[in-house]
C-alpha atoms as a PDB file:
ATOM      1  CA  MET A   1     -10.216  -3.165  -3.819  1.00  0.00           C
ATOM      2  CA  LEU A   2      -9.268  -3.588  -0.184  1.00  0.00           C
ATOM      3  CA  ARG A   3     -12.260  -2.011   1.529  1.00  0.00           C
ATOM      4  CA  ASN A   4     -13.393  -3.690   4.724  1.00  0.00           C
ATOM      5  CA  LEU A   5     -10.255  -5.824   4.846  1.00  0.00           C
ATOM      6  CA  GLN A   6      -9.248  -6.139   8.490  1.00  0.00           C
ATOM      7  CA  LYS A   7      -5.489  -5.988   7.944  1.00  0.00           C
ATOM      8  CA  VAL A   8      -2.726  -3.510   8.688  1.00  0.00           C
ATOM      9  CA  PHE A   9      -0.448  -2.792   5.717  1.00  0.00           C
ATOM     10  CA  ILE A  10       3.057  -1.566   6.503  1.00  0.00           C
ATOM     11  CA  GLY A  11       5.836  -0.428   4.199  1.00  0.00           C
ATOM     12  CA  SER A  12       9.512   0.131   4.680  1.00  0.00           C
ATOM     13  CA  SER A  13      11.581   3.194   3.894  1.00  0.00           C
ATOM     14  CA  GLN A  14      12.675   1.347   0.735  1.00  0.00           C
ATOM     15  CA  LEU A  15       9.303   2.097  -0.901  1.00  0.00           C
ATOM     16  CA  PRO A  16       8.969   5.061  -3.315  1.00  0.00           C
ATOM     17  CA  ASN A  17       8.639   8.662  -2.090  1.00  0.00           C
ATOM     18  CA  ASP A  18       4.919   8.829  -2.967  1.00  0.00           C
ATOM     19  CA  TYR A  19       4.113   6.356  -0.163  1.00  0.00           C
ATOM     20  CA  PRO A  20       3.994   8.941   2.674  1.00  0.00           C
ATOM     21  CA  VAL A  21       2.000  11.538   0.678  1.00  0.00           C
ATOM     22  CA  THR A  22      -0.785   9.209  -0.412  1.00  0.00           C
ATOM     23  CA  ALA A  23      -4.212  10.318   0.814  1.00  0.00           C
ATOM     24  CA  ILE A  24      -7.461   8.505   1.506  1.00  0.00           C
ATOM     25  CA  GLY A  25      -9.240   8.023  -1.807  1.00  0.00           C
ATOM     26  CA  ASP A  26      -6.080   7.912  -3.955  1.00  0.00           C
ATOM     27  CA  SER A  27      -5.818   5.024  -6.384  1.00  0.00           C
ATOM     28  CA  VAL A  28      -2.791   2.833  -5.633  1.00  0.00           C
ATOM     29  CA  ALA A  29      -1.262  -0.402  -6.858  1.00  0.00           C
ATOM     30  CA  ILE A  30       0.489  -2.603  -4.302  1.00  0.00           C
ATOM     31  CA  THR A  31       1.922  -6.079  -4.113  1.00  0.00           C
ATOM     32  CA  PHE A  32       2.203  -8.113  -0.944  1.00  0.00           C
ATOM     33  CA  ASP A  33       2.381 -11.691   0.272  1.00  0.00           C
ATOM     34  CA  ASN A  34      -1.028 -12.877   1.433  1.00  0.00           C
ATOM     35  CA  ASP A  35       0.020 -15.091   4.321  1.00  0.00           C
ATOM     36  CA  ASN A  36      -3.197 -14.722   6.369  1.00  0.00           C
ATOM     37  CA  GLN A  37      -1.543 -12.517   8.998  1.00  0.00           C
ATOM     38  CA  ASP A  38      -3.158  -9.392  10.491  1.00  0.00           C
ATOM     39  CA  VAL A  39      -0.092  -7.293   9.591  1.00  0.00           C
ATOM     40  CA  VAL A  40       0.939  -7.379   5.924  1.00  0.00           C
ATOM     41  CA  VAL A  41       4.284  -6.111   4.593  1.00  0.00           C
ATOM     42  CA  VAL A  42       3.895  -4.233   1.292  1.00  0.00           C
ATOM     43  CA  SER A  43       6.444  -5.312  -1.345  1.00  0.00           C
ATOM     44  CA  THR A  44       5.798  -2.640  -3.994  1.00  0.00           C
ATOM     45  CA  PHE A  45       3.771   0.557  -3.949  1.00  0.00           C
ATOM     46  CA  LYS A  46       2.652   2.927  -6.727  1.00  0.00           C
ATOM     47  CA  ASN A  47       0.306   5.893  -6.257  1.00  0.00           C
ATOM     48  CA  LYS A  48      -1.636   5.964  -9.535  1.00  0.00           C
ATOM     49  CA  THR A  49      -3.447   9.195  -8.622  1.00  0.00           C
ATOM     50  CA  ASN A  50      -0.237  11.233  -8.272  1.00  0.00           C
ATOM     51  CA  SER A  51       1.704   9.578 -11.128  1.00  0.00           C
ATOM     52  CA  ARG A  52       3.881  11.828 -13.230  1.00  0.00           C
END
């Protein structure tokens, strides 16, 4: 859970199509490098709420 984490997560256009249609409250799985920066680049993204 990432609540109250003061970071900005960004993703590239290389991430799956479900990235831009994810809504607040959806369950997602992401991977990222935790390098203690305020802006974090997401490596992988999966919306578990909208899975097909």
